[in-house]
Amino acid sequence: MYLIDREKNRILKLKQKSFSELKFRERDHLQEWIANDPSSLGEELLIIQKEFNGFNDTNERLDLLALDKLGNLVIIENKLDDSGKDVTWQVIKYASYCASLTKQDIVNIYQAYLGSSANAQEKFPDFSTIENYLKYY
């Protein structure tokens, strides 16, 4: 990666550093960056929960739960650095946990995320095709 100096018409090679070298943390930084601007992942998403752990018989939690414009659930599992081959298995496991969520579960999850600041049922129409998802249930 390079930094472009327009005034001098030069490029300067930047030293590559890991997130850990820069003291960035997954939960405190990466997760918050994505939650505050989910379009950074390349599509319009509605974040409906952070640190979701509403699964039966396990204390596991996924980093971010979202809905896309087609109404599909999107599981976002953040990794700052190479975490090895178990990452794929982890997200598949979370997808299986989420497969049984109902329309009311989704509303309740989003309401818990919003707290008392807004009504989840009223906020869904702002995300234009959310009704696509809710029709499935």
N, C-alpha and C. Protein backbone atom coordinates (compact mmCIF):
# COMPACT_ATOMS: atom_id res chain seq x y z
N MET A 1 0.85 -1.16 0.00
CA MET A 1 0.00 0.00 0.00
C MET A 1 0.91 1.23 0.00
N TYR A 2 0.42 2.26 -0.69
CA TYR A 2 1.21 3.47 -0.84
C TYR A 2 0.39 4.70 -0.45
N LEU A 3 1.11 5.70 0.00
CA LEU A 3 0.53 7.01 0.27
C LEU A 3 0.92 7.90 -0.91
N ILE A 4 -0.05 8.58 -1.48
CA ILE A 4 0.20 9.44 -2.63
C ILE A 4 0.37 10.88 -2.16
N ASP A 5 1.48 11.48 -2.54
CA ASP A 5 1.75 12.89 -2.26
C ASP A 5 1.52 13.65 -3.56
N ARG A 6 0.36 14.26 -3.67
CA ARG A 6 -0.01 14.95 -4.91
C ARG A 6 0.90 16.16 -5.19
N GLU A 7 1.26 16.87 -4.14
CA GLU A 7 2.08 18.08 -4.32
C GLU A 7 3.45 17.76 -4.91
N LYS A 8 4.06 16.68 -4.45
CA LYS A 8 5.39 16.30 -4.94
C LYS A 8 5.32 15.29 -6.09
N ASN A 9 4.10 14.83 -6.38
CA ASN A 9 3.88 13.82 -7.41
C ASN A 9 4.75 12.58 -7.15
N ARG A 10 4.67 12.08 -5.92
CA ARG A 10 5.43 10.92 -5.49
C ARG A 10 4.52 9.96 -4.70
N ILE A 11 4.99 8.74 -4.63
CA ILE A 11 4.33 7.77 -3.76
C ILE A 11 5.31 7.34 -2.68
N LEU A 12 4.77 6.99 -1.53
CA LEU A 12 5.58 6.55 -0.41
C LEU A 12 5.04 5.21 0.07
N LYS A 13 5.87 4.21 0.05
CA LYS A 13 5.44 2.89 0.50
C LYS A 13 5.18 2.91 2.00
N LEU A 14 4.03 2.41 2.40
CA LEU A 14 3.67 2.35 3.82
C LEU A 14 4.12 1.02 4.41
N LYS A 15 4.56 1.06 5.63
CA LYS A 15 4.97 -0.16 6.33
C LYS A 15 3.72 -0.93 6.75
N GLN A 16 3.70 -2.19 6.40
CA GLN A 16 2.56 -3.03 6.76
C GLN A 16 2.61 -3.36 8.24
N LYS A 17 1.47 -3.21 8.93
CA LYS A 17 1.38 -3.54 10.35
C LYS A 17 0.11 -4.34 10.59
N SER A 18 0.15 -5.18 11.58
CA SER A 18 -1.04 -5.95 11.95
C SER A 18 -1.93 -5.09 12.84
N PHE A 19 -3.18 -5.49 12.94
CA PHE A 19 -4.09 -4.78 13.83
C PHE A 19 -3.59 -4.82 15.27
N SER A 20 -3.03 -5.95 15.67
CA SER A 20 -2.55 -6.06 17.05
C SER A 20 -1.37 -5.11 17.30
N GLU A 21 -0.50 -4.93 16.30
CA GLU A 21 0.59 -3.97 16.45
C GLU A 21 0.05 -2.55 16.65
N LEU A 22 -1.07 -2.26 16.01
CA LEU A 22 -1.69 -0.94 16.11
C LEU A 22 -2.60 -0.82 17.33
N LYS A 23 -2.68 -1.91 18.10
CA LYS A 23 -3.49 -1.97 19.32
C LYS A 23 -4.99 -1.86 19.05
N PHE A 24 -5.41 -2.33 17.86
CA PHE A 24 -6.84 -2.42 17.56
C PHE A 24 -7.36 -3.75 18.07
N ARG A 25 -8.55 -3.73 18.62
CA ARG A 25 -9.17 -4.94 19.14
C ARG A 25 -10.43 -5.25 18.37
N GLU A 26 -10.73 -6.53 18.27
CA GLU A 26 -11.89 -6.98 17.50
C GLU A 26 -13.19 -6.35 17.99
N ARG A 27 -13.48 -6.52 19.25
CA ARG A 27 -14.77 -6.07 19.80
C ARG A 27 -14.84 -4.54 19.92
N ASP A 28 -13.76 -3.94 20.38
CA ASP A 28 -13.77 -2.49 20.62
C ASP A 28 -13.64 -1.66 19.35
N HIS A 29 -13.02 -2.21 18.34
CA HIS A 29 -12.75 -1.42 17.14
C HIS A 29 -13.45 -1.97 15.91
N LEU A 30 -13.01 -3.12 15.40
CA LEU A 30 -13.57 -3.66 14.16
C LEU A 30 -15.09 -3.81 14.23
N GLN A 31 -15.57 -4.39 15.29
CA GLN A 31 -17.01 -4.58 15.43
C GLN A 31 -17.76 -3.24 15.43
N GLU A 32 -17.23 -2.26 16.11
CA GLU A 32 -17.88 -0.95 16.16
C GLU A 32 -17.83 -0.24 14.81
N TRP A 33 -16.70 -0.39 14.09
CA TRP A 33 -16.60 0.23 12.77
C TRP A 33 -17.69 -0.32 11.86
N ILE A 34 -17.86 -1.65 11.88
CA ILE A 34 -18.86 -2.28 11.01
C ILE A 34 -20.27 -1.95 11.48
N ALA A 35 -20.52 -1.99 12.78
CA ALA A 35 -21.85 -1.69 13.30
C ALA A 35 -22.27 -0.27 12.94
N ASN A 36 -21.32 0.65 12.95
CA ASN A 36 -21.64 2.04 12.63
C ASN A 36 -21.69 2.33 11.14
N ASP A 37 -21.08 1.49 10.33
CA ASP A 37 -21.13 1.66 8.88
C ASP A 37 -21.14 0.29 8.21
N PRO A 38 -22.25 -0.44 8.31
CA PRO A 38 -22.29 -1.79 7.75
C PRO A 38 -22.09 -1.83 6.23
N SER A 39 -22.29 -0.71 5.55
CA SER A 39 -22.06 -0.69 4.10
C SER A 39 -20.58 -0.90 3.78
N SER A 40 -19.71 -0.79 4.79
CA SER A 40 -18.28 -1.06 4.58
C SER A 40 -18.04 -2.50 4.14
N LEU A 41 -19.04 -3.37 4.31
CA LEU A 41 -18.93 -4.76 3.89
C LEU A 41 -19.39 -4.95 2.44
N GLY A 42 -19.79 -3.86 1.79
CA GLY A 42 -20.11 -3.94 0.37
C GLY A 42 -21.57 -4.06 0.03
N GLU A 43 -22.44 -3.98 1.00
CA GLU A 43 -23.88 -4.01 0.72
C GLU A 43 -24.63 -3.30 1.85
N GLU A 44 -25.86 -2.96 1.57
CA GLU A 44 -26.67 -2.28 2.58
C GLU A 44 -27.20 -3.31 3.56
N LEU A 45 -26.85 -3.13 4.82
CA LEU A 45 -27.26 -4.05 5.88
C LEU A 45 -27.88 -3.27 7.02
N LEU A 46 -28.80 -3.91 7.71
CA LEU A 46 -29.39 -3.38 8.93
C LEU A 46 -28.87 -4.23 10.09
N ILE A 47 -28.06 -3.65 10.94
CA ILE A 47 -27.56 -4.37 12.11
C ILE A 47 -28.71 -4.49 13.10
N ILE A 48 -29.00 -5.72 13.52
CA ILE A 48 -30.11 -5.91 14.46
C ILE A 48 -29.64 -6.36 15.84
N GLN A 49 -28.34 -6.70 15.97
CA GLN A 49 -27.83 -7.07 17.30
C GLN A 49 -26.31 -7.18 17.26
N LYS A 50 -25.70 -6.84 18.39
CA LYS A 50 -24.27 -7.05 18.61
C LYS A 50 -24.11 -8.09 19.70
N GLU A 51 -23.06 -8.89 19.59
CA GLU A 51 -22.75 -9.88 20.62
C GLU A 51 -23.96 -10.79 20.90
N PHE A 52 -24.60 -11.25 19.85
CA PHE A 52 -25.82 -12.05 20.02
C PHE A 52 -25.51 -13.42 20.59
N ASN A 53 -26.15 -13.74 21.70
CA ASN A 53 -25.95 -15.04 22.36
C ASN A 53 -27.27 -15.70 22.72
N GLY A 54 -28.31 -15.42 21.98
CA GLY A 54 -29.63 -15.94 22.30
C GLY A 54 -29.88 -17.34 21.79
N PHE A 55 -28.91 -18.21 21.94
CA PHE A 55 -29.04 -19.59 21.48
C PHE A 55 -29.30 -20.51 22.67
N ASN A 56 -30.12 -21.51 22.45
CA ASN A 56 -30.38 -22.50 23.50
C ASN A 56 -29.18 -23.42 23.68
N ASP A 57 -28.92 -23.82 24.88
CA ASP A 57 -27.91 -24.84 25.22
C ASP A 57 -26.47 -24.47 24.89
N THR A 58 -26.17 -23.19 24.73
CA THR A 58 -24.78 -22.78 24.51
C THR A 58 -24.60 -21.33 24.97
N ASN A 59 -23.41 -21.01 25.37
CA ASN A 59 -23.09 -19.64 25.75
C ASN A 59 -22.35 -18.91 24.65
N GLU A 60 -22.29 -19.51 23.46
CA GLU A 60 -21.57 -18.89 22.35
C GLU A 60 -22.29 -17.63 21.90
N ARG A 61 -21.52 -16.72 21.29
CA ARG A 61 -22.11 -15.49 20.78
C ARG A 61 -21.48 -15.16 19.44
N LEU A 62 -22.31 -14.62 18.57
CA LEU A 62 -21.78 -14.15 17.29
C LEU A 62 -21.60 -12.63 17.37
N ASP A 63 -20.70 -12.11 16.57
CA ASP A 63 -20.33 -10.70 16.71
C ASP A 63 -21.45 -9.74 16.32
N LEU A 64 -21.94 -9.87 15.11
CA LEU A 64 -23.01 -8.99 14.63
C LEU A 64 -24.04 -9.81 13.88
N LEU A 65 -25.29 -9.46 14.07
CA LEU A 65 -26.39 -10.08 13.33
C LEU A 65 -27.08 -8.97 12.56
N ALA A 66 -27.34 -9.22 11.28
CA ALA A 66 -27.90 -8.18 10.42
C ALA A 66 -28.92 -8.78 9.47
N LEU A 67 -29.61 -7.89 8.78
CA LEU A 67 -30.51 -8.27 7.69
C LEU A 67 -30.06 -7.53 6.44
N ASP A 68 -30.11 -8.23 5.29
CA ASP A 68 -29.79 -7.54 4.04
C ASP A 68 -31.08 -7.01 3.42
N LYS A 69 -30.96 -6.34 2.28
CA LYS A 69 -32.12 -5.71 1.63
C LYS A 69 -33.15 -6.71 1.14
N LEU A 70 -32.74 -7.97 0.97
CA LEU A 70 -33.68 -9.01 0.56
C LEU A 70 -34.34 -9.67 1.76
N GLY A 71 -33.93 -9.27 2.94
CA GLY A 71 -34.51 -9.81 4.15
C GLY A 71 -33.82 -11.05 4.67
N ASN A 72 -32.64 -11.37 4.16
CA ASN A 72 -31.89 -12.53 4.64
C ASN A 72 -31.11 -12.16 5.90
N LEU A 73 -31.04 -13.10 6.83
CA LEU A 73 -30.18 -12.91 7.99
C LEU A 73 -28.73 -12.97 7.54
N VAL A 74 -27.91 -12.08 8.08
CA VAL A 74 -26.49 -12.04 7.77
C VAL A 74 -25.73 -12.17 9.08
N ILE A 75 -24.88 -13.15 9.17
CA ILE A 75 -24.05 -13.37 10.35
C ILE A 75 -22.68 -12.79 10.06
N ILE A 76 -22.23 -11.90 10.92
CA ILE A 76 -20.94 -11.25 10.74
C ILE A 76 -20.05 -11.68 11.90
N GLU A 77 -19.04 -12.45 11.58
CA GLU A 77 -18.09 -12.93 12.58
C GLU A 77 -16.75 -12.29 12.26
N ASN A 78 -16.30 -11.39 13.10
CA ASN A 78 -15.10 -10.59 12.85
C ASN A 78 -13.84 -11.32 13.29
N LYS A 79 -12.80 -11.13 12.50
CA LYS A 79 -11.47 -11.61 12.85
C LYS A 79 -10.48 -10.54 12.42
N LEU A 80 -9.64 -10.09 13.33
CA LEU A 80 -8.65 -9.07 13.00
C LEU A 80 -7.46 -9.64 12.26
N ASP A 81 -7.04 -10.81 12.62
CA ASP A 81 -5.88 -11.43 12.01
C ASP A 81 -6.25 -12.86 11.62
N ASP A 82 -5.35 -13.55 10.96
CA ASP A 82 -5.60 -14.91 10.53
C ASP A 82 -5.92 -15.79 11.73
N SER A 83 -7.11 -16.37 11.69
CA SER A 83 -7.55 -17.19 12.82
C SER A 83 -7.57 -18.68 12.49
N GLY A 84 -7.08 -19.03 11.33
CA GLY A 84 -7.01 -20.43 10.97
C GLY A 84 -8.27 -20.96 10.32
N LYS A 85 -8.30 -22.26 10.14
CA LYS A 85 -9.37 -22.91 9.38
C LYS A 85 -10.68 -23.06 10.14
N ASP A 86 -10.70 -22.86 11.45
CA ASP A 86 -11.92 -23.06 12.23
C ASP A 86 -12.95 -21.96 12.04
N VAL A 87 -12.59 -20.88 11.38
CA VAL A 87 -13.49 -19.75 11.19
C VAL A 87 -14.72 -20.16 10.38
N THR A 88 -14.51 -20.91 9.31
CA THR A 88 -15.64 -21.34 8.47
C THR A 88 -16.60 -22.20 9.29
N TRP A 89 -16.07 -23.12 10.04
CA TRP A 89 -16.91 -23.97 10.89
C TRP A 89 -17.70 -23.13 11.89
N GLN A 90 -17.07 -22.12 12.45
CA GLN A 90 -17.73 -21.26 13.44
C GLN A 90 -18.95 -20.57 12.84
N VAL A 91 -18.83 -19.99 11.67
CA VAL A 91 -19.95 -19.27 11.08
C VAL A 91 -21.04 -20.24 10.61
N ILE A 92 -20.67 -21.43 10.16
CA ILE A 92 -21.68 -22.44 9.79
C ILE A 92 -22.48 -22.85 11.02
N LYS A 93 -21.78 -23.01 12.12
CA LYS A 93 -22.45 -23.36 13.39
C LYS A 93 -23.44 -22.26 13.78
N TYR A 94 -23.02 -20.99 13.68
CA TYR A 94 -23.92 -19.89 14.01
C TYR A 94 -25.11 -19.84 13.07
N ALA A 95 -24.89 -20.13 11.80
CA ALA A 95 -26.00 -20.16 10.83
C ALA A 95 -27.01 -21.24 11.23
N SER A 96 -26.53 -22.38 11.68
CA SER A 96 -27.46 -23.44 12.10
C SER A 96 -28.25 -23.01 13.33
N TYR A 97 -27.60 -22.28 14.25
CA TYR A 97 -28.30 -21.78 15.43
C TYR A 97 -29.39 -20.79 15.02
N CYS A 98 -29.11 -19.96 14.03
CA CYS A 98 -30.06 -18.91 13.62
C CYS A 98 -31.18 -19.43 12.73
N ALA A 99 -31.02 -20.62 12.19
CA ALA A 99 -32.00 -21.17 11.25
C ALA A 99 -33.39 -21.30 11.85
N SER A 100 -33.48 -21.45 13.15
CA SER A 100 -34.78 -21.64 13.79
C SER A 100 -35.42 -20.34 14.27
N LEU A 101 -34.78 -19.20 14.02
CA LEU A 101 -35.36 -17.93 14.48
C LEU A 101 -36.65 -17.63 13.73
N THR A 102 -37.63 -17.18 14.46
CA THR A 102 -38.94 -16.83 13.88
C THR A 102 -39.02 -15.33 13.63
N LYS A 103 -40.09 -14.92 12.97
CA LYS A 103 -40.34 -13.50 12.74
C LYS A 103 -40.33 -12.75 14.08
N GLN A 104 -41.03 -13.29 15.05
CA GLN A 104 -41.10 -12.62 16.36
C GLN A 104 -39.74 -12.59 17.04
N ASP A 105 -38.95 -13.65 16.87
CA ASP A 105 -37.59 -13.65 17.41
C ASP A 105 -36.78 -12.49 16.82
N ILE A 106 -36.88 -12.31 15.51
CA ILE A 106 -36.13 -11.24 14.83
C ILE A 106 -36.57 -9.88 15.36
N VAL A 107 -37.86 -9.69 15.49
CA VAL A 107 -38.38 -8.43 16.04
C VAL A 107 -37.86 -8.23 17.46
N ASN A 108 -37.91 -9.26 18.28
CA ASN A 108 -37.44 -9.16 19.67
C ASN A 108 -35.95 -8.88 19.76
N ILE A 109 -35.18 -9.54 18.90
CA ILE A 109 -33.73 -9.32 18.88
C ILE A 109 -33.43 -7.87 18.51
N TYR A 110 -34.10 -7.37 17.49
CA TYR A 110 -33.88 -6.00 17.06
C TYR A 110 -34.35 -5.01 18.12
N GLN A 111 -35.47 -5.31 18.77
CA GLN A 111 -35.97 -4.43 19.83
C GLN A 111 -34.98 -4.36 20.99
N ALA A 112 -34.40 -5.49 21.35
CA ALA A 112 -33.39 -5.49 22.42
C ALA A 112 -32.19 -4.64 22.02
N TYR A 113 -31.83 -4.67 20.75
CA TYR A 113 -30.71 -3.87 20.25
C TYR A 113 -31.04 -2.38 20.32
N LEU A 114 -32.27 -2.02 19.96
CA LEU A 114 -32.69 -0.62 19.96
C LEU A 114 -32.93 -0.10 21.37
N GLY A 115 -33.26 -1.00 22.30
CA GLY A 115 -33.62 -0.57 23.64
C GLY A 115 -34.93 0.20 23.59
N SER A 116 -35.07 1.20 24.43
CA SER A 116 -36.31 1.97 24.46
C SER A 116 -36.26 3.18 23.54
N SER A 117 -35.17 3.31 22.77
CA SER A 117 -35.01 4.49 21.90
C SER A 117 -35.90 4.47 20.67
N ALA A 118 -36.41 3.30 20.29
CA ALA A 118 -37.26 3.21 19.10
C ALA A 118 -38.05 1.90 19.15
N ASN A 119 -39.06 1.82 18.31
CA ASN A 119 -39.88 0.62 18.20
C ASN A 119 -39.44 -0.18 16.98
N ALA A 120 -39.01 -1.42 17.21
CA ALA A 120 -38.48 -2.25 16.13
C ALA A 120 -39.49 -2.42 15.00
N GLN A 121 -40.76 -2.66 15.34
CA GLN A 121 -41.79 -2.85 14.32
C GLN A 121 -41.90 -1.63 13.41
N GLU A 122 -41.75 -0.45 13.98
CA GLU A 122 -41.86 0.78 13.20
C GLU A 122 -40.59 1.05 12.39
N LYS A 123 -39.44 0.56 12.86
CA LYS A 123 -38.18 0.80 12.16
C LYS A 123 -37.99 -0.12 10.95
N PHE A 124 -38.60 -1.28 10.95
CA PHE A 124 -38.43 -2.21 9.83
C PHE A 124 -38.83 -1.61 8.49
N PRO A 125 -39.95 -0.88 8.39
CA PRO A 125 -40.30 -0.31 7.09
C PRO A 125 -39.25 0.65 6.54
N ASP A 126 -38.41 1.24 7.41
CA ASP A 126 -37.34 2.11 6.94
C ASP A 126 -36.31 1.34 6.12
N PHE A 127 -36.22 0.06 6.37
CA PHE A 127 -35.31 -0.80 5.62
C PHE A 127 -36.18 -1.47 4.57
N SER A 128 -36.27 -0.89 3.41
CA SER A 128 -37.36 -1.06 2.45
C SER A 128 -37.85 -2.48 2.19
N THR A 129 -36.99 -3.46 2.10
CA THR A 129 -37.50 -4.78 1.75
C THR A 129 -37.50 -5.74 2.94
N ILE A 130 -37.48 -5.22 4.13
CA ILE A 130 -37.49 -6.08 5.32
C ILE A 130 -38.73 -6.96 5.34
N GLU A 131 -39.80 -6.48 4.73
CA GLU A 131 -41.02 -7.28 4.68
C GLU A 131 -40.78 -8.59 3.93
N ASN A 132 -39.82 -8.63 3.01
CA ASN A 132 -39.49 -9.90 2.33
C ASN A 132 -39.13 -10.98 3.34
N TYR A 133 -38.31 -10.60 4.31
CA TYR A 133 -37.91 -11.57 5.33
C TYR A 133 -39.08 -11.92 6.22
N LEU A 134 -39.77 -10.92 6.68
CA LEU A 134 -40.84 -11.15 7.64
C LEU A 134 -41.99 -11.94 7.04
N LYS A 135 -42.16 -11.93 5.72
CA LYS A 135 -43.21 -12.71 5.07
C LYS A 135 -42.95 -14.20 5.17
N TYR A 136 -41.69 -14.60 5.29
CA TYR A 136 -41.37 -16.02 5.35
C TYR A 136 -41.90 -16.68 6.60
N TYR A 137 -42.27 -15.92 7.60
CA TYR A 137 -42.62 -16.50 8.89
C TYR A 137 -44.05 -16.35 9.25
